[in-house]
Amino acid sequence: MTALASALATHRRARFVREELRLADADQTRLDAARTELHATRAATETPRVLVAVLVPALAPAVDAAA
């Protein structure tokens, strides 16, 4: 559960940073780097998300909603 919470927090932070850059009209290179980081952090949420959903099926809907 800790790994999932940590991965989700990192992913949310990456989304926040990307949106800040977009709103600040950052150059395309920085936006591309932020998008790459966003995809990497999203991918990092999958393993802990699936583990929690498999090990505790009752939490699957909440886990999917959080992701």
N, C-alpha and C. Protein backbone atom coordinates (compact mmCIF):
# COMPACT_ATOMS: atom_id res chain seq x y z
N MET A 1 0.82 -1.18 0.00
CA MET A 1 0.00 0.00 0.00
C MET A 1 0.88 1.26 0.00
N THR A 2 1.99 1.19 0.72
CA THR A 2 2.89 2.34 0.77
C THR A 2 3.48 2.64 -0.60
N ALA A 3 3.84 1.58 -1.33
CA ALA A 3 4.41 1.78 -2.67
C ALA A 3 3.39 2.45 -3.60
N LEU A 4 2.14 2.05 -3.48
CA LEU A 4 1.09 2.66 -4.31
C LEU A 4 0.91 4.13 -3.95
N ALA A 5 0.83 4.43 -2.67
CA ALA A 5 0.66 5.82 -2.24
C ALA A 5 1.82 6.68 -2.71
N SER A 6 3.02 6.16 -2.59
CA SER A 6 4.20 6.90 -3.03
C SER A 6 4.20 7.12 -4.54
N ALA A 7 3.88 6.08 -5.30
CA ALA A 7 3.83 6.20 -6.77
C ALA A 7 2.77 7.19 -7.21
N LEU A 8 1.61 7.15 -6.56
CA LEU A 8 0.54 8.09 -6.91
C LEU A 8 0.92 9.53 -6.58
N ALA A 9 1.58 9.72 -5.44
CA ALA A 9 2.02 11.07 -5.07
C ALA A 9 3.04 11.61 -6.06
N THR A 10 3.96 10.76 -6.48
CA THR A 10 4.97 11.17 -7.46
C THR A 10 4.31 11.51 -8.79
N HIS A 11 3.33 10.71 -9.19
CA HIS A 11 2.63 10.96 -10.44
C HIS A 11 1.83 12.27 -10.37
N ARG A 12 1.17 12.51 -9.27
CA ARG A 12 0.40 13.76 -9.13
C ARG A 12 1.33 14.97 -9.17
N ARG A 13 2.48 14.83 -8.56
CA ARG A 13 3.47 15.92 -8.59
C ARG A 13 3.93 16.17 -10.03
N ALA A 14 4.17 15.11 -10.77
CA ALA A 14 4.59 15.26 -12.17
C ALA A 14 3.50 15.94 -13.00
N ARG A 15 2.23 15.60 -12.73
CA ARG A 15 1.12 16.27 -13.44
C ARG A 15 1.09 17.76 -13.10
N PHE A 16 1.30 18.06 -11.83
CA PHE A 16 1.30 19.45 -11.38
C PHE A 16 2.41 20.25 -12.06
N VAL A 17 3.61 19.67 -12.10
CA VAL A 17 4.75 20.34 -12.71
C VAL A 17 4.49 20.59 -14.20
N ARG A 18 3.97 19.57 -14.89
CA ARG A 18 3.70 19.72 -16.32
C ARG A 18 2.67 20.83 -16.57
N GLU A 19 1.65 20.87 -15.74
CA GLU A 19 0.62 21.90 -15.91
C GLU A 19 1.19 23.29 -15.60
N GLU A 20 2.03 23.38 -14.59
CA GLU A 20 2.68 24.66 -14.29
C GLU A 20 3.50 25.15 -15.48
N LEU A 21 4.24 24.24 -16.09
CA LEU A 21 5.05 24.60 -17.26
C LEU A 21 4.16 25.05 -18.41
N ARG A 22 3.07 24.33 -18.62
CA ARG A 22 2.16 24.68 -19.71
C ARG A 22 1.56 26.07 -19.49
N LEU A 23 1.12 26.34 -18.27
CA LEU A 23 0.53 27.64 -17.97
C LEU A 23 1.56 28.77 -18.03
N ALA A 24 2.82 28.45 -17.75
CA ALA A 24 3.89 29.44 -17.81
C ALA A 24 4.42 29.63 -19.22
N ASP A 25 3.82 28.90 -20.16
CA ASP A 25 4.22 28.99 -21.57
C ASP A 25 5.69 28.62 -21.75
N ALA A 26 6.08 27.50 -21.11
CA ALA A 26 7.46 27.04 -21.19
C ALA A 26 7.78 26.56 -22.60
N ASP A 27 9.06 26.49 -22.90
CA ASP A 27 9.47 26.04 -24.24
C ASP A 27 9.14 24.56 -24.43
N GLN A 28 9.08 24.15 -25.67
CA GLN A 28 8.65 22.80 -26.01
C GLN A 28 9.56 21.72 -25.44
N THR A 29 10.85 22.01 -25.35
CA THR A 29 11.79 21.03 -24.80
C THR A 29 11.44 20.70 -23.35
N ARG A 30 11.16 21.71 -22.56
CA ARG A 30 10.79 21.49 -21.16
C ARG A 30 9.45 20.78 -21.05
N LEU A 31 8.50 21.13 -21.92
CA LEU A 31 7.21 20.46 -21.91
C LEU A 31 7.35 18.98 -22.29
N ASP A 32 8.19 18.71 -23.27
CA ASP A 32 8.42 17.32 -23.68
C ASP A 32 9.06 16.52 -22.55
N ALA A 33 10.01 17.11 -21.85
CA ALA A 33 10.65 16.43 -20.73
C ALA A 33 9.65 16.16 -19.62
N ALA A 34 8.78 17.12 -19.36
CA ALA A 34 7.75 16.94 -18.33
C ALA A 34 6.76 15.86 -18.75
N ARG A 35 6.42 15.80 -20.02
CA ARG A 35 5.50 14.77 -20.52
C ARG A 35 6.14 13.39 -20.38
N THR A 36 7.41 13.29 -20.70
CA THR A 36 8.13 12.02 -20.56
C THR A 36 8.13 11.57 -19.10
N GLU A 37 8.39 12.50 -18.20
CA GLU A 37 8.37 12.19 -16.77
C GLU A 37 6.98 11.77 -16.33
N LEU A 38 5.97 12.43 -16.85
CA LEU A 38 4.59 12.10 -16.51
C LEU A 38 4.26 10.67 -16.93
N HIS A 39 4.67 10.29 -18.13
CA HIS A 39 4.42 8.92 -18.59
C HIS A 39 5.18 7.90 -17.73
N ALA A 40 6.39 8.23 -17.35
CA ALA A 40 7.18 7.31 -16.52
C ALA A 40 6.54 7.14 -15.14
N THR A 41 6.07 8.23 -14.56
CA THR A 41 5.46 8.12 -13.23
C THR A 41 4.13 7.39 -13.30
N ARG A 42 3.41 7.56 -14.39
CA ARG A 42 2.14 6.83 -14.56
C ARG A 42 2.41 5.34 -14.66
N ALA A 43 3.42 4.98 -15.42
CA ALA A 43 3.77 3.57 -15.55
C ALA A 43 4.19 2.98 -14.20
N ALA A 44 4.85 3.79 -13.39
CA ALA A 44 5.32 3.32 -12.08
C ALA A 44 4.17 3.05 -11.11
N THR A 45 2.99 3.56 -11.40
CA THR A 45 1.84 3.31 -10.51
C THR A 45 1.19 1.95 -10.79
N GLU A 46 1.44 1.38 -11.96
CA GLU A 46 0.71 0.18 -12.37
C GLU A 46 1.01 -1.05 -11.52
N THR A 47 2.27 -1.35 -11.27
CA THR A 47 2.59 -2.55 -10.50
C THR A 47 1.98 -2.52 -9.10
N PRO A 48 2.20 -1.44 -8.33
CA PRO A 48 1.58 -1.44 -7.00
C PRO A 48 0.05 -1.40 -7.06
N ARG A 49 -0.51 -0.76 -8.08
CA ARG A 49 -1.97 -0.71 -8.21
C ARG A 49 -2.53 -2.11 -8.42
N VAL A 50 -1.92 -2.86 -9.31
CA VAL A 50 -2.39 -4.22 -9.59
C VAL A 50 -2.19 -5.11 -8.38
N LEU A 51 -1.05 -4.99 -7.70
CA LEU A 51 -0.81 -5.81 -6.51
C LEU A 51 -1.87 -5.58 -5.44
N VAL A 52 -2.19 -4.34 -5.18
CA VAL A 52 -3.21 -4.05 -4.17
C VAL A 52 -4.56 -4.59 -4.63
N ALA A 53 -4.90 -4.40 -5.89
CA ALA A 53 -6.19 -4.87 -6.40
C ALA A 53 -6.29 -6.40 -6.34
N VAL A 54 -5.19 -7.10 -6.57
CA VAL A 54 -5.20 -8.57 -6.54
C VAL A 54 -5.20 -9.09 -5.11
N LEU A 55 -4.37 -8.49 -4.26
CA LEU A 55 -4.26 -8.97 -2.89
C LEU A 55 -5.45 -8.60 -2.02
N VAL A 56 -6.07 -7.46 -2.31
CA VAL A 56 -7.24 -7.01 -1.54
C VAL A 56 -8.32 -6.57 -2.53
N PRO A 57 -9.04 -7.54 -3.11
CA PRO A 57 -10.02 -7.23 -4.15
C PRO A 57 -11.07 -6.19 -3.74
N ALA A 58 -11.38 -6.12 -2.47
CA ALA A 58 -12.37 -5.13 -2.02
C ALA A 58 -11.89 -3.70 -2.23
N LEU A 59 -10.57 -3.53 -2.32
CA LEU A 59 -10.02 -2.19 -2.52
C LEU A 59 -9.87 -1.82 -3.99
N ALA A 60 -10.10 -2.75 -4.90
CA ALA A 60 -9.88 -2.52 -6.33
C ALA A 60 -10.59 -1.27 -6.84
N PRO A 61 -11.89 -1.06 -6.53
CA PRO A 61 -12.54 0.16 -7.03
C PRO A 61 -11.89 1.45 -6.51
N ALA A 62 -11.50 1.46 -5.26
CA ALA A 62 -10.86 2.65 -4.69
C ALA A 62 -9.49 2.87 -5.29
N VAL A 63 -8.76 1.80 -5.51
CA VAL A 63 -7.43 1.89 -6.11
C VAL A 63 -7.54 2.43 -7.54
N ASP A 64 -8.49 1.91 -8.30
CA ASP A 64 -8.68 2.37 -9.67
C ASP A 64 -9.10 3.83 -9.70
N ALA A 65 -9.93 4.25 -8.77
CA ALA A 65 -10.36 5.65 -8.72
C ALA A 65 -9.19 6.57 -8.38
N ALA A 66 -8.31 6.11 -7.51
CA ALA A 66 -7.16 6.92 -7.10
C ALA A 66 -6.17 7.06 -8.23
N ALA A 67 -6.06 6.04 -9.05
CA ALA A 67 -5.11 6.08 -10.16
C ALA A 67 -5.67 6.91 -11.26
